[in-house]
PDB file of N, CA and C in Angstrom:
ATOM      1  N   UNK A   1     -15.277 -10.829  -0.800  1.00  0.00           N
ATOM      2  CA  UNK A   1     -14.722  -9.489  -0.604  1.00  0.00           C
ATOM      3  C   UNK A   1     -15.721  -8.497  -1.141  1.00  0.00           C
ATOM      4  N   UNK A   2     -15.940  -7.451  -0.329  1.00  0.00           N
ATOM      5  CA  UNK A   2     -16.858  -6.424  -0.662  1.00  0.00           C
ATOM      6  C   UNK A   2     -16.339  -5.594  -1.838  1.00  0.00           C
ATOM      7  N   UNK A   3     -17.242  -5.026  -2.630  1.00  0.00           N
ATOM      8  CA  UNK A   3     -16.864  -4.125  -3.729  1.00  0.00           C
ATOM      9  C   UNK A   3     -16.551  -2.739  -3.126  1.00  0.00           C
ATOM     10  N   UNK A   4     -16.021  -1.828  -3.940  1.00  0.00           N
ATOM     11  CA  UNK A   4     -15.723  -0.514  -3.507  1.00  0.00           C
ATOM     12  C   UNK A   4     -17.016   0.165  -3.011  1.00  0.00           C
ATOM     13  N   UNK A   5     -18.044   0.060  -3.800  1.00  0.00           N
ATOM     14  CA  UNK A   5     -19.334   0.677  -3.485  1.00  0.00           C
ATOM     15  C   UNK A   5     -19.881   0.188  -2.149  1.00  0.00           C
ATOM     16  N   UNK A   6     -19.778  -1.135  -1.900  1.00  0.00           N
ATOM     17  CA  UNK A   6     -20.245  -1.703  -0.665  1.00  0.00           C
ATOM     18  C   UNK A   6     -19.418  -1.203   0.545  1.00  0.00           C
ATOM     19  N   UNK A   7     -18.132  -1.118   0.364  1.00  0.00           N
ATOM     20  CA  UNK A   7     -17.194  -0.588   1.459  1.00  0.00           C
ATOM     21  C   UNK A   7     -17.520   0.818   1.787  1.00  0.00           C
ATOM     22  N   UNK A   8     -17.701   1.628   0.771  1.00  0.00           N
ATOM     23  CA  UNK A   8     -17.985   3.079   0.944  1.00  0.00           C
ATOM     24  C   UNK A   8     -19.380   3.220   1.610  1.00  0.00           C
ATOM     25  N   UNK A   9     -20.393   2.415   1.185  1.00  0.00           N
ATOM     26  CA  UNK A   9     -21.697   2.489   1.785  1.00  0.00           C
ATOM     27  C   UNK A   9     -21.661   2.091   3.233  1.00  0.00           C
ATOM     28  N   UNK A  10     -20.911   1.036   3.543  1.00  0.00           N
ATOM     29  CA  UNK A  10     -20.757   0.655   4.947  1.00  0.00           C
ATOM     30  C   UNK A  10     -20.127   1.726   5.774  1.00  0.00           C
ATOM     31  N   UNK A  11     -19.063   2.308   5.276  1.00  0.00           N
ATOM     32  CA  UNK A  11     -18.423   3.370   6.041  1.00  0.00           C
ATOM     33  C   UNK A  11     -19.372   4.573   6.222  1.00  0.00           C
ATOM     34  N   UNK A  12     -20.064   4.948   5.123  1.00  0.00           N
ATOM     35  CA  UNK A  12     -20.974   6.080   5.243  1.00  0.00           C
ATOM     36  C   UNK A  12     -22.083   5.786   6.239  1.00  0.00           C
ATOM     37  N   UNK A  13     -22.562   4.568   6.299  1.00  0.00           N
ATOM     38  CA  UNK A  13     -23.604   4.211   7.237  1.00  0.00           C
ATOM     39  C   UNK A  13     -23.087   4.373   8.723  1.00  0.00           C
ATOM     40  N   UNK A  14     -21.845   3.969   8.940  1.00  0.00           N
ATOM     41  CA  UNK A  14     -21.295   4.161  10.281  1.00  0.00           C
ATOM     42  C   UNK A  14     -21.170   5.626  10.643  1.00  0.00           C
ATOM     43  N   UNK A  15     -20.955   6.442   9.641  1.00  0.00           N
ATOM     44  CA  UNK A  15     -20.770   7.892   9.933  1.00  0.00           C
ATOM     45  C   UNK A  15     -22.073   8.657  10.044  1.00  0.00           C
ATOM     46  N   UNK A  16     -23.212   8.024   9.867  1.00  0.00           N
ATOM     47  CA  UNK A  16     -24.498   8.703   9.936  1.00  0.00           C
ATOM     48  C   UNK A  16     -25.195   8.507  11.304  1.00  0.00           C
ATOM     49  N   UNK A  17     -24.441   8.383  12.360  1.00  0.00           N
ATOM     50  CA  UNK A  17     -25.027   8.146  13.675  1.00  0.00           C
ATOM     51  C   UNK A  17     -25.364   9.430  14.394  1.00  0.00           C
ATOM     52  N   UNK A  18     -26.451   9.415  15.089  1.00  0.00           N
ATOM     53  CA  UNK A  18     -26.799  10.630  15.937  1.00  0.00           C
ATOM     54  C   UNK A  18     -25.884  10.692  17.127  1.00  0.00           C
ATOM     55  N   UNK A  19     -25.064   9.661  17.342  1.00  0.00           N
ATOM     56  CA  UNK A  19     -24.174   9.689  18.515  1.00  0.00           C
ATOM     57  C   UNK A  19     -22.837  10.424  18.161  1.00  0.00           C
ATOM     58  N   UNK A  20     -22.638  10.717  16.885  1.00  0.00           N
ATOM     59  CA  UNK A  20     -21.383  11.404  16.517  1.00  0.00           C
ATOM     60  C   UNK A  20     -21.542  12.829  16.939  1.00  0.00           C
ATOM     61  N   UNK A  21     -20.525  13.378  17.609  1.00  0.00           N
ATOM     62  CA  UNK A  21     -20.620  14.736  18.076  1.00  0.00           C
ATOM     63  C   UNK A  21     -20.561  15.763  16.929  1.00  0.00           C
ATOM     64  N   UNK A  22     -20.979  16.993  17.158  1.00  0.00           N
ATOM     65  CA  UNK A  22     -21.079  17.972  16.120  1.00  0.00           C
ATOM     66  C   UNK A  22     -19.797  18.241  15.352  1.00  0.00           C
ATOM     67  N   UNK A  23     -18.674  18.181  15.994  1.00  0.00           N
ATOM     68  CA  UNK A  23     -17.410  18.386  15.301  1.00  0.00           C
ATOM     69  C   UNK A  23     -17.177  17.333  14.269  1.00  0.00           C
ATOM     70  N   UNK A  24     -17.412  16.086  14.617  1.00  0.00           N
ATOM     71  CA  UNK A  24     -17.237  15.032  13.658  1.00  0.00           C
ATOM     72  C   UNK A  24     -18.299  15.071  12.554  1.00  0.00           C
ATOM     73  N   UNK A  25     -19.502  15.494  12.904  1.00  0.00           N
ATOM     74  CA  UNK A  25     -20.506  15.599  11.920  1.00  0.00           C
ATOM     75  C   UNK A  25     -20.102  16.607  10.833  1.00  0.00           C
ATOM     76  N   UNK A  26     -19.486  17.706  11.253  1.00  0.00           N
ATOM     77  CA  UNK A  26     -19.068  18.730  10.319  1.00  0.00           C
ATOM     78  C   UNK A  26     -17.954  18.204   9.404  1.00  0.00           C
ATOM     79  N   UNK A  27     -17.161  17.236   9.914  1.00  0.00           N
ATOM     80  CA  UNK A  27     -16.079  16.717   9.141  1.00  0.00           C
ATOM     81  C   UNK A  27     -16.496  15.469   8.313  1.00  0.00           C
ATOM     82  N   UNK A  28     -17.734  15.048   8.441  1.00  0.00           N
ATOM     83  CA  UNK A  28     -18.235  13.823   7.846  1.00  0.00           C
ATOM     84  C   UNK A  28     -17.968  13.770   6.330  1.00  0.00           C
ATOM     85  N   UNK A  29     -18.270  14.854   5.648  1.00  0.00           N
ATOM     86  CA  UNK A  29     -18.175  14.834   4.208  1.00  0.00           C
ATOM     87  C   UNK A  29     -16.711  14.589   3.779  1.00  0.00           C
ATOM     88  N   UNK A  30     -15.802  15.277   4.446  1.00  0.00           N
ATOM     89  CA  UNK A  30     -14.367  15.099   4.141  1.00  0.00           C
ATOM     90  C   UNK A  30     -13.857  13.682   4.466  1.00  0.00           C
ATOM     91  N   UNK A  31     -14.369  13.154   5.546  1.00  0.00           N
ATOM     92  CA  UNK A  31     -13.980  11.755   5.912  1.00  0.00           C
ATOM     93  C   UNK A  31     -14.485  10.747   4.875  1.00  0.00           C
ATOM     94  N   UNK A  32     -15.713  10.881   4.461  1.00  0.00           N
ATOM     95  CA  UNK A  32     -16.267  10.047   3.429  1.00  0.00           C
ATOM     96  C   UNK A  32     -15.528  10.152   2.095  1.00  0.00           C
ATOM     97  N   UNK A  33     -15.177  11.386   1.721  1.00  0.00           N
ATOM     98  CA  UNK A  33     -14.414  11.599   0.492  1.00  0.00           C
ATOM     99  C   UNK A  33     -13.040  11.002   0.572  1.00  0.00           C
ATOM    100  N   UNK A  34     -12.383  11.138   1.735  1.00  0.00           N
ATOM    101  CA  UNK A  34     -11.053  10.573   1.891  1.00  0.00           C
ATOM    102  C   UNK A  34     -11.125   9.054   1.856  1.00  0.00           C
ATOM    103  N   UNK A  35     -12.124   8.437   2.484  1.00  0.00           N
ATOM    104  CA  UNK A  35     -12.229   7.003   2.503  1.00  0.00           C
ATOM    105  C   UNK A  35     -12.516   6.495   1.084  1.00  0.00           C
ATOM    106  N   UNK A  36     -13.321   7.223   0.365  1.00  0.00           N
ATOM    107  CA  UNK A  36     -13.702   6.841  -1.042  1.00  0.00           C
ATOM    108  C   UNK A  36     -12.434   6.922  -1.870  1.00  0.00           C
ATOM    109  N   UNK A  37     -11.646   7.933  -1.752  1.00  0.00           N
ATOM    110  CA  UNK A  37     -10.413   8.000  -2.554  1.00  0.00           C
ATOM    111  C   UNK A  37      -9.415   6.880  -2.191  1.00  0.00           C
ATOM    112  N   UNK A  38      -9.346   6.538  -0.900  1.00  0.00           N
ATOM    113  CA  UNK A  38      -8.516   5.453  -0.457  1.00  0.00           C
ATOM    114  C   UNK A  38      -9.010   4.106  -1.048  1.00  0.00           C
ATOM    115  N   UNK A  39     -10.306   3.842  -1.041  1.00  0.00           N
ATOM    116  CA  UNK A  39     -10.841   2.602  -1.548  1.00  0.00           C
ATOM    117  C   UNK A  39     -10.587   2.523  -3.057  1.00  0.00           C
ATOM    118  N   UNK A  40     -10.779   3.605  -3.798  1.00  0.00           N
ATOM    119  CA  UNK A  40     -10.631   3.628  -5.262  1.00  0.00           C
ATOM    120  C   UNK A  40      -9.128   3.293  -5.541  1.00  0.00           C
ATOM    121  N   UNK A  41      -8.227   3.700  -4.716  1.00  0.00           N
ATOM    122  CA  UNK A  41      -6.805   3.414  -4.876  1.00  0.00           C
ATOM    123  C   UNK A  41      -6.430   2.001  -4.452  1.00  0.00           C
ATOM    124  N   UNK A  42      -6.920   1.589  -3.282  1.00  0.00           N
ATOM    125  CA  UNK A  42      -6.490   0.349  -2.656  1.00  0.00           C
ATOM    126  C   UNK A  42      -7.159  -0.879  -3.242  1.00  0.00           C
ATOM    127  N   UNK A  43      -8.430  -0.790  -3.586  1.00  0.00           N
ATOM    128  CA  UNK A  43      -9.213  -1.990  -4.018  1.00  0.00           C
ATOM    129  C   UNK A  43      -8.569  -2.681  -5.189  1.00  0.00           C
ATOM    130  N   UNK A  44      -8.175  -2.004  -6.290  1.00  0.00           N
ATOM    131  CA  UNK A  44      -7.533  -2.738  -7.364  1.00  0.00           C
ATOM    132  C   UNK A  44      -6.266  -3.458  -6.999  1.00  0.00           C
ATOM    133  N   UNK A  45      -5.536  -2.878  -6.078  1.00  0.00           N
ATOM    134  CA  UNK A  45      -4.319  -3.503  -5.571  1.00  0.00           C
ATOM    135  C   UNK A  45      -4.663  -4.740  -4.732  1.00  0.00           C
ATOM    136  N   UNK A  46      -5.724  -4.677  -4.017  1.00  0.00           N
ATOM    137  CA  UNK A  46      -6.151  -5.858  -3.221  1.00  0.00           C
ATOM    138  C   UNK A  46      -6.630  -6.961  -4.132  1.00  0.00           C
ATOM    139  N   UNK A  47      -7.335  -6.657  -5.201  1.00  0.00           N
ATOM    140  CA  UNK A  47      -7.780  -7.613  -6.140  1.00  0.00           C
ATOM    141  C   UNK A  47      -6.557  -8.285  -6.863  1.00  0.00           C
ATOM    142  N   UNK A  48      -5.562  -7.478  -7.196  1.00  0.00           N
ATOM    143  CA  UNK A  48      -4.319  -7.971  -7.785  1.00  0.00           C
ATOM    144  C   UNK A  48      -3.591  -8.920  -6.791  1.00  0.00           C
ATOM    145  N   UNK A  49      -3.584  -8.554  -5.521  1.00  0.00           N
ATOM    146  CA  UNK A  49      -2.998  -9.399  -4.510  1.00  0.00           C
ATOM    147  C   UNK A  49      -3.673 -10.740  -4.455  1.00  0.00           C
ATOM    148  N   UNK A  50      -4.981 -10.749  -4.443  1.00  0.00           N
ATOM    149  CA  UNK A  50      -5.720 -11.996  -4.389  1.00  0.00           C
ATOM    150  C   UNK A  50      -5.417 -12.866  -5.608  1.00  0.00           C
ATOM    151  N   UNK A  51      -5.294 -12.249  -6.761  1.00  0.00           N
ATOM    152  CA  UNK A  51      -4.942 -12.988  -8.004  1.00  0.00           C
ATOM    153  C   UNK A  51      -3.586 -13.638  -7.888  1.00  0.00           C
ATOM    154  N   UNK A  52      -2.652 -12.956  -7.321  1.00  0.00           N
ATOM    155  CA  UNK A  52      -1.269 -13.462  -7.144  1.00  0.00           C
ATOM    156  C   UNK A  52      -1.351 -14.636  -6.130  1.00  0.00           C
ATOM    157  N   UNK A  53      -2.078 -14.543  -5.084  1.00  0.00           N
ATOM    158  CA  UNK A  53      -2.137 -15.590  -4.060  1.00  0.00           C
ATOM    159  C   UNK A  53      -2.784 -16.824  -4.633  1.00  0.00           C
ATOM    160  N   UNK A  54      -3.871 -16.646  -5.374  1.00  0.00           N
ATOM    161  CA  UNK A  54      -4.561 -17.813  -5.986  1.00  0.00           C
ATOM    162  C   UNK A  54      -3.655 -18.447  -7.033  1.00  0.00           C
ATOM    163  N   UNK A  55      -2.982 -17.673  -7.834  1.00  0.00           N
ATOM    164  CA  UNK A  55      -2.113 -18.213  -8.896  1.00  0.00           C
ATOM    165  C   UNK A  55      -0.911 -18.966  -8.252  1.00  0.00           C
ATOM    166  N   UNK A  56      -0.475 -18.510  -7.140  1.00  0.00           N
ATOM    167  CA  UNK A  56       0.654 -19.147  -6.423  1.00  0.00           C
ATOM    168  C   UNK A  56       0.205 -20.327  -5.534  1.00  0.00           C
ATOM    169  N   UNK A  57      -1.087 -20.611  -5.533  1.00  0.00           N
ATOM    170  CA  UNK A  57      -1.692 -21.721  -4.778  1.00  0.00           C
ATOM    171  C   UNK A  57      -1.366 -21.559  -3.223  1.00  0.00           C
ATOM    172  N   UNK A  58      -1.464 -20.337  -2.785  1.00  0.00           N
ATOM    173  CA  UNK A  58      -1.294 -20.090  -1.351  1.00  0.00           C
ATOM    174  C   UNK A  58      -2.549 -20.537  -0.566  1.00  0.00           C
ATOM    175  N   UNK A  59      -2.396 -21.308   0.469  1.00  0.00           N
ATOM    176  CA  UNK A  59      -3.562 -21.698   1.240  1.00  0.00           C
ATOM    177  C   UNK A  59      -4.337 -20.477   1.785  1.00  0.00           C
ATOM    178  N   UNK A  60      -5.628 -20.600   1.736  1.00  0.00           N
ATOM    179  CA  UNK A  60      -6.523 -19.525   2.196  1.00  0.00           C
ATOM    180  C   UNK A  60      -6.215 -19.153   3.622  1.00  0.00           C
ATOM    181  N   UNK A  61      -5.772 -20.042   4.472  1.00  0.00           N
ATOM    182  CA  UNK A  61      -5.461 -19.802   5.817  1.00  0.00           C
ATOM    183  C   UNK A  61      -4.299 -18.830   6.007  1.00  0.00           C
ATOM    184  N   UNK A  62      -3.453 -18.665   4.945  1.00  0.00           N
ATOM    185  CA  UNK A  62      -2.329 -17.762   5.037  1.00  0.00           C
ATOM    186  C   UNK A  62      -2.655 -16.417   4.391  1.00  0.00           C
ATOM    187  N   UNK A  63      -3.817 -16.240   3.839  1.00  0.00           N
ATOM    188  CA  UNK A  63      -4.191 -14.954   3.226  1.00  0.00           C
ATOM    189  C   UNK A  63      -4.015 -13.780   4.191  1.00  0.00           C
ATOM    190  N   UNK A  64      -4.341 -14.001   5.420  1.00  0.00           N
ATOM    191  CA  UNK A  64      -4.333 -12.886   6.440  1.00  0.00           C
ATOM    192  C   UNK A  64      -2.898 -12.339   6.542  1.00  0.00           C
ATOM    193  N   UNK A  65      -1.967 -13.192   6.586  1.00  0.00           N
ATOM    194  CA  UNK A  65      -0.560 -12.747   6.645  1.00  0.00           C
ATOM    195  C   UNK A  65      -0.112 -11.926   5.421  1.00  0.00           C
ATOM    196  N   UNK A  66      -0.502 -12.420   4.238  1.00  0.00           N
ATOM    197  CA  UNK A  66      -0.184 -11.711   3.045  1.00  0.00           C
ATOM    198  C   UNK A  66      -0.946 -10.400   2.956  1.00  0.00           C
ATOM    199  N   UNK A  67      -2.182 -10.399   3.420  1.00  0.00           N
ATOM    200  CA  UNK A  67      -2.922  -9.124   3.480  1.00  0.00           C
ATOM    201  C   UNK A  67      -2.304  -8.106   4.415  1.00  0.00           C
ATOM    202  N   UNK A  68      -1.802  -8.571   5.539  1.00  0.00           N
ATOM    203  CA  UNK A  68      -1.113  -7.652   6.445  1.00  0.00           C
ATOM    204  C   UNK A  68       0.142  -7.092   5.868  1.00  0.00           C
ATOM    205  N   UNK A  69       0.904  -7.947   5.160  1.00  0.00           N
ATOM    206  CA  UNK A  69       2.126  -7.549   4.426  1.00  0.00           C
ATOM    207  C   UNK A  69       1.783  -6.490   3.392  1.00  0.00           C
ATOM    208  N   UNK A  70       0.708  -6.801   2.652  1.00  0.00           N
ATOM    209  CA  UNK A  70       0.277  -5.881   1.600  1.00  0.00           C
ATOM    210  C   UNK A  70      -0.167  -4.556   2.163  1.00  0.00           C
ATOM    211  N   UNK A  71      -0.861  -4.536   3.254  1.00  0.00           N
ATOM    212  CA  UNK A  71      -1.287  -3.281   3.877  1.00  0.00           C
ATOM    213  C   UNK A  71      -0.087  -2.459   4.285  1.00  0.00           C
ATOM    214  N   UNK A  72       0.964  -3.067   4.864  1.00  0.00           N
ATOM    215  CA  UNK A  72       2.154  -2.353   5.295  1.00  0.00           C
ATOM    216  C   UNK A  72       2.895  -1.861   4.039  1.00  0.00           C
ATOM    217  N   UNK A  73       2.900  -2.637   3.000  1.00  0.00           N
ATOM    218  CA  UNK A  73       3.578  -2.201   1.752  1.00  0.00           C
ATOM    219  C   UNK A  73       2.793  -1.019   1.091  1.00  0.00           C
ATOM    220  N   UNK A  74       1.507  -1.070   1.180  1.00  0.00           N
ATOM    221  CA  UNK A  74       0.706   0.015   0.656  1.00  0.00           C
ATOM    222  C   UNK A  74       1.035   1.334   1.416  1.00  0.00           C
ATOM    223  N   UNK A  75       1.148   1.237   2.735  1.00  0.00           N
ATOM    224  CA  UNK A  75       1.456   2.417   3.559  1.00  0.00           C
ATOM    225  C   UNK A  75       2.860   2.942   3.105  1.00  0.00           C
ATOM    226  N   UNK A  76       3.817   2.036   2.991  1.00  0.00           N
ATOM    227  CA  UNK A  76       5.139   2.462   2.566  1.00  0.00           C
ATOM    228  C   UNK A  76       5.126   3.120   1.248  1.00  0.00           C
ATOM    229  N   UNK A  77       4.331   2.621   0.300  1.00  0.00           N
ATOM    230  CA  UNK A  77       4.307   3.240  -1.031  1.00  0.00           C
ATOM    231  C   UNK A  77       3.665   4.663  -1.032  1.00  0.00           C
ATOM    232  N   UNK A  78       2.918   4.968   0.043  1.00  0.00           N
ATOM    233  CA  UNK A  78       2.359   6.267   0.143  1.00  0.00           C
ATOM    234  C   UNK A  78       3.239   7.267   0.984  1.00  0.00           C
ATOM    235  N   UNK A  79       4.167   6.711   1.718  1.00  0.00           N
ATOM    236  CA  UNK A  79       4.983   7.603   2.616  1.00  0.00           C
ATOM    237  C   UNK A  79       6.435   7.626   2.249  1.00  0.00           C
ATOM    238  N   UNK A  80       6.874   6.748   1.349  1.00  0.00           N
ATOM    239  CA  UNK A  80       8.315   6.669   1.040  1.00  0.00           C
ATOM    240  C   UNK A  80       8.418   6.435  -0.467  1.00  0.00           C
ATOM    241  N   UNK A  81       9.618   6.735  -1.015  1.00  0.00           N
ATOM    242  CA  UNK A  81       9.863   6.513  -2.458  1.00  0.00           C
ATOM    243  C   UNK A  81      11.311   6.318  -2.660  1.00  0.00           C
ATOM    244  N   UNK A  82      11.653   5.881  -3.835  1.00  0.00           N
ATOM    245  CA  UNK A  82      13.047   5.691  -4.251  1.00  0.00           C
ATOM    246  C   UNK A  82      13.739   4.582  -3.455  1.00  0.00           C
ATOM    247  N   UNK A  83      15.072   4.833  -3.157  1.00  0.00           N
ATOM    248  CA  UNK A  83      15.904   3.828  -2.509  1.00  0.00           C
ATOM    249  C   UNK A  83      15.338   3.544  -1.102  1.00  0.00           C
ATOM    250  N   UNK A  84      14.736   4.573  -0.426  1.00  0.00           N
ATOM    251  CA  UNK A  84      14.211   4.368   0.879  1.00  0.00           C
ATOM    252  C   UNK A  84      13.037   3.340   0.839  1.00  0.00           C
ATOM    253  N   UNK A  85      12.234   3.414  -0.235  1.00  0.00           N
ATOM    254  CA  UNK A  85      11.150   2.478  -0.354  1.00  0.00           C
ATOM    255  C   UNK A  85      11.654   1.090  -0.542  1.00  0.00           C
ATOM    256  N   UNK A  86      12.659   0.931  -1.414  1.00  0.00           N
ATOM    257  CA  UNK A  86      13.271  -0.438  -1.655  1.00  0.00           C
ATOM    258  C   UNK A  86      13.833  -0.950  -0.355  1.00  0.00           C
ATOM    259  N   UNK A  87      14.557  -0.105   0.425  1.00  0.00           N
ATOM    260  CA  UNK A  87      15.135  -0.561   1.707  1.00  0.00           C
ATOM    261  C   UNK A  87      14.038  -0.959   2.663  1.00  0.00           C
ATOM    262  N   UNK A  88      13.070  -0.196   2.827  1.00  0.00           N
ATOM    263  CA  UNK A  88      11.989  -0.482   3.766  1.00  0.00           C
ATOM    264  C   UNK A  88      11.239  -1.740   3.363  1.00  0.00           C
ATOM    265  N   UNK A  89      10.978  -1.888   2.041  1.00  0.00           N
ATOM    266  CA  UNK A  89      10.312  -3.092   1.544  1.00  0.00           C
ATOM    267  C   UNK A  89      11.143  -4.335   1.782  1.00  0.00           C
ATOM    268  N   UNK A  90      12.426  -4.201   1.657  1.00  0.00           N
ATOM    269  CA  UNK A  90      13.371  -5.336   1.929  1.00  0.00           C
ATOM    270  C   UNK A  90      13.273  -5.717   3.357  1.00  0.00           C
ATOM    271  N   UNK A  91      13.237  -4.791   4.259  1.00  0.00           N
ATOM    272  CA  UNK A  91      13.147  -5.114   5.680  1.00  0.00           C
ATOM    273  C   UNK A  91      11.742  -5.726   5.970  1.00  0.00           C
ATOM    274  N   UNK A  92      10.723  -5.250   5.351  1.00  0.00           N
ATOM    275  CA  UNK A  92       9.378  -5.790   5.534  1.00  0.00           C
ATOM    276  C   UNK A  92       9.316  -7.251   5.013  1.00  0.00           C
ATOM    277  N   UNK A  93       9.908  -7.564   3.912  1.00  0.00           N
ATOM    278  CA  UNK A  93       9.946  -8.927   3.440  1.00  0.00           C
ATOM    279  C   UNK A  93      10.725  -9.825   4.420  1.00  0.00           C
ATOM    280  N   UNK A  94      11.845  -9.347   4.883  1.00  0.00           N
ATOM    281  CA  UNK A  94      12.660 -10.136   5.863  1.00  0.00           C
ATOM    282  C   UNK A  94      11.780 -10.418   7.126  1.00  0.00           C
ATOM    283  N   UNK A  95      10.992  -9.443   7.556  1.00  0.00           N
ATOM    284  CA  UNK A  95      10.120  -9.635   8.656  1.00  0.00           C
ATOM    285  C   UNK A  95       9.060 -10.732   8.444  1.00  0.00           C
ATOM    286  N   UNK A  96       8.443 -10.629   7.277  1.00  0.00           N
ATOM    287  CA  UNK A  96       7.320 -11.608   6.963  1.00  0.00           C
ATOM    288  C   UNK A  96       7.784 -12.964   6.608  1.00  0.00           C
ATOM    289  N   UNK A  97       9.051 -13.101   6.138  1.00  0.00           N
ATOM    290  CA  UNK A  97       9.496 -14.454   5.717  1.00  0.00           C
ATOM    291  C   UNK A  97      10.065 -15.212   6.982  1.00  0.00           C
ATOM    292  N   UNK A  98      10.055 -14.597   8.083  1.00  0.00           N
ATOM    293  CA  UNK A  98      10.533 -15.269   9.338  1.00  0.00           C
ATOM    294  C   UNK A  98       9.659 -16.471   9.548  1.00  0.00           C
ATOM    295  N   UNK A  99      10.272 -17.581  10.157  1.00  0.00           N
ATOM    296  CA  UNK A  99       9.566 -18.812  10.413  1.00  0.00           C
ATOM    297  C   UNK A  99       8.293 -18.597  11.268  1.00  0.00           C
ATOM    298  N   UNK A 100       8.318 -17.644  12.165  1.00  0.00           N
ATOM    299  CA  UNK A 100       7.127 -17.399  13.013  1.00  0.00           C
ATOM    300  C   UNK A 100       5.962 -16.719  12.273  1.00  0.00           C
ATOM    301  N   UNK A 101       6.202 -16.246  11.080  1.00  0.00           N
ATOM    302  CA  UNK A 101       5.188 -15.558  10.323  1.00  0.00           C
ATOM    303  C   UNK A 101       4.764 -16.409   9.126  1.00  0.00           C
ATOM    304  N   UNK A 102       5.251 -16.036   7.890  1.00  0.00           N
ATOM    305  CA  UNK A 102       4.837 -16.793   6.748  1.00  0.00           C
ATOM    306  C   UNK A 102       5.849 -17.887   6.356  1.00  0.00           C
ATOM    307  N   UNK A 103       7.082 -17.779   6.823  1.00  0.00           N
ATOM    308  CA  UNK A 103       8.093 -18.764   6.513  1.00  0.00           C
ATOM    309  C   UNK A 103       8.954 -18.392   5.307  1.00  0.00           C
ATOM    310  N   UNK A 104      10.104 -18.999   5.232  1.00  0.00           N
ATOM    311  CA  UNK A 104      11.077 -18.634   4.154  1.00  0.00           C
ATOM    312  C   UNK A 104      10.528 -18.965   2.794  1.00  0.00           C
ATOM    313  N   UNK A 105       9.615 -19.943   2.669  1.00  0.00           N
ATOM    314  CA  UNK A 105       9.037 -20.254   1.348  1.00  0.00           C
ATOM    315  C   UNK A 105       8.164 -19.124   0.804  1.00  0.00           C
ATOM    316  N   UNK A 106       7.875 -18.161   1.590  1.00  0.00           N
ATOM    317  CA  UNK A 106       6.991 -17.027   1.171  1.00  0.00           C
ATOM    318  C   UNK A 106       7.741 -15.918   0.463  1.00  0.00           C
ATOM    319  N   UNK A 107       9.103 -15.926   0.584  1.00  0.00           N
ATOM    320  CA  UNK A 107       9.864 -14.869   0.086  1.00  0.00           C
ATOM    321  C   UNK A 107       9.626 -14.559  -1.387  1.00  0.00           C
ATOM    322  N   UNK A 108       9.593 -15.613  -2.228  1.00  0.00           N
ATOM    323  CA  UNK A 108       9.383 -15.372  -3.655  1.00  0.00           C
ATOM    324  C   UNK A 108       7.975 -14.700  -3.874  1.00  0.00           C
ATOM    325  N   UNK A 109       6.981 -15.130  -3.187  1.00  0.00           N
ATOM    326  CA  UNK A 109       5.640 -14.571  -3.318  1.00  0.00           C
ATOM    327  C   UNK A 109       5.652 -13.097  -2.811  1.00  0.00           C
ATOM    328  N   UNK A 110       6.300 -12.855  -1.739  1.00  0.00           N
ATOM    329  CA  UNK A 110       6.346 -11.483  -1.208  1.00  0.00           C
ATOM    330  C   UNK A 110       7.053 -10.530  -2.206  1.00  0.00           C
ATOM    331  N   UNK A 111       8.135 -11.007  -2.800  1.00  0.00           N
ATOM    332  CA  UNK A 111       8.854 -10.227  -3.771  1.00  0.00           C
ATOM    333  C   UNK A 111       8.008 -10.019  -5.039  1.00  0.00           C
ATOM    334  N   UNK A 112       7.240 -11.019  -5.405  1.00  0.00           N
ATOM    335  CA  UNK A 112       6.310 -10.956  -6.548  1.00  0.00           C
ATOM    336  C   UNK A 112       5.227  -9.873  -6.263  1.00  0.00           C
ATOM    337  N   UNK A 113       4.702  -9.853  -5.051  1.00  0.00           N
ATOM    338  CA  UNK A 113       3.708  -8.825  -4.719  1.00  0.00           C
ATOM    339  C   UNK A 113       4.287  -7.448  -4.796  1.00  0.00           C
ATOM    340  N   UNK A 114       5.477  -7.258  -4.207  1.00  0.00           N
ATOM    341  CA  UNK A 114       6.123  -5.914  -4.269  1.00  0.00           C
ATOM    342  C   UNK A 114       6.416  -5.517  -5.690  1.00  0.00           C
ATOM    343  N   UNK A 115       6.885  -6.454  -6.471  1.00  0.00           N
ATOM    344  CA  UNK A 115       7.222  -6.071  -7.854  1.00  0.00           C
ATOM    345  C   UNK A 115       6.058  -5.891  -8.777  1.00  0.00           C
ATOM    346  N   UNK A 116       5.103  -6.781  -8.639  1.00  0.00           N
ATOM    347  CA  UNK A 116       3.936  -6.687  -9.593  1.00  0.00           C
ATOM    348  C   UNK A 116       3.006  -5.546  -9.230  1.00  0.00           C
ATOM    349  N   UNK A 117       2.635  -5.404  -7.988  1.00  0.00           N
ATOM    350  CA  UNK A 117       1.636  -4.407  -7.563  1.00  0.00           C
ATOM    351  C   UNK A 117       2.276  -2.998  -7.418  1.00  0.00           C
ATOM    352  N   UNK A 118       3.460  -2.957  -6.855  1.00  0.00           N
ATOM    353  CA  UNK A 118       4.046  -1.682  -6.515  1.00  0.00           C
ATOM    354  C   UNK A 118       5.319  -1.294  -7.313  1.00  0.00           C
ATOM    355  N   UNK A 119       5.711  -2.181  -8.228  1.00  0.00           N
ATOM    356  CA  UNK A 119       6.880  -1.955  -9.061  1.00  0.00           C
ATOM    357  C   UNK A 119       8.162  -1.698  -8.271  1.00  0.00           C
ATOM    358  N   UNK A 120       8.251  -2.451  -7.116  1.00  0.00           N
ATOM    359  CA  UNK A 120       9.407  -2.355  -6.231  1.00  0.00           C
ATOM    360  C   UNK A 120      10.272  -3.561  -6.551  1.00  0.00           C
ATOM    361  N   UNK A 121      11.451  -3.369  -7.062  1.00  0.00           N
ATOM    362  CA  UNK A 121      12.374  -4.447  -7.323  1.00  0.00           C
ATOM    363  C   UNK A 121      13.307  -4.646  -6.145  1.00  0.00           C
ATOM    364  N   UNK A 122      13.120  -5.798  -5.480  1.00  0.00           N
ATOM    365  CA  UNK A 122      13.866  -6.176  -4.334  1.00  0.00           C
ATOM    366  C   UNK A 122      15.106  -6.918  -4.743  1.00  0.00           C
ATOM    367  N   UNK A 123      16.299  -6.453  -4.308  1.00  0.00           N
ATOM    368  CA  UNK A 123      17.521  -7.225  -4.720  1.00  0.00           C
ATOM    369  C   UNK A 123      17.579  -8.608  -4.077  1.00  0.00           C
TER     370      UNK A 123
END
């Protein structure tokens, strides 16, 4: 997994193209600053997620599903709060514990992720 500095440098390198039109070039500094703020906020949560998955002995092949769940939960934590956040997180867990996705055995781990990283207590 790349570090925050590596991710920001990679993003900045993509934004330094002569092919970017002048409007985007003018917004480049704001975009880089926004991405840096996002990475500083998201990266520790991603590290915590990986620690939970390793501690729970989740197979590496299933990490992508948990990462997708985590990304959706991160978005919810930024756009919703209170009872609405709990309700939306409950629906998200129900979605990801479906047999076609991570399976019913994943429910405890999904609740642990929500509770540990985002302090969302799922009933």
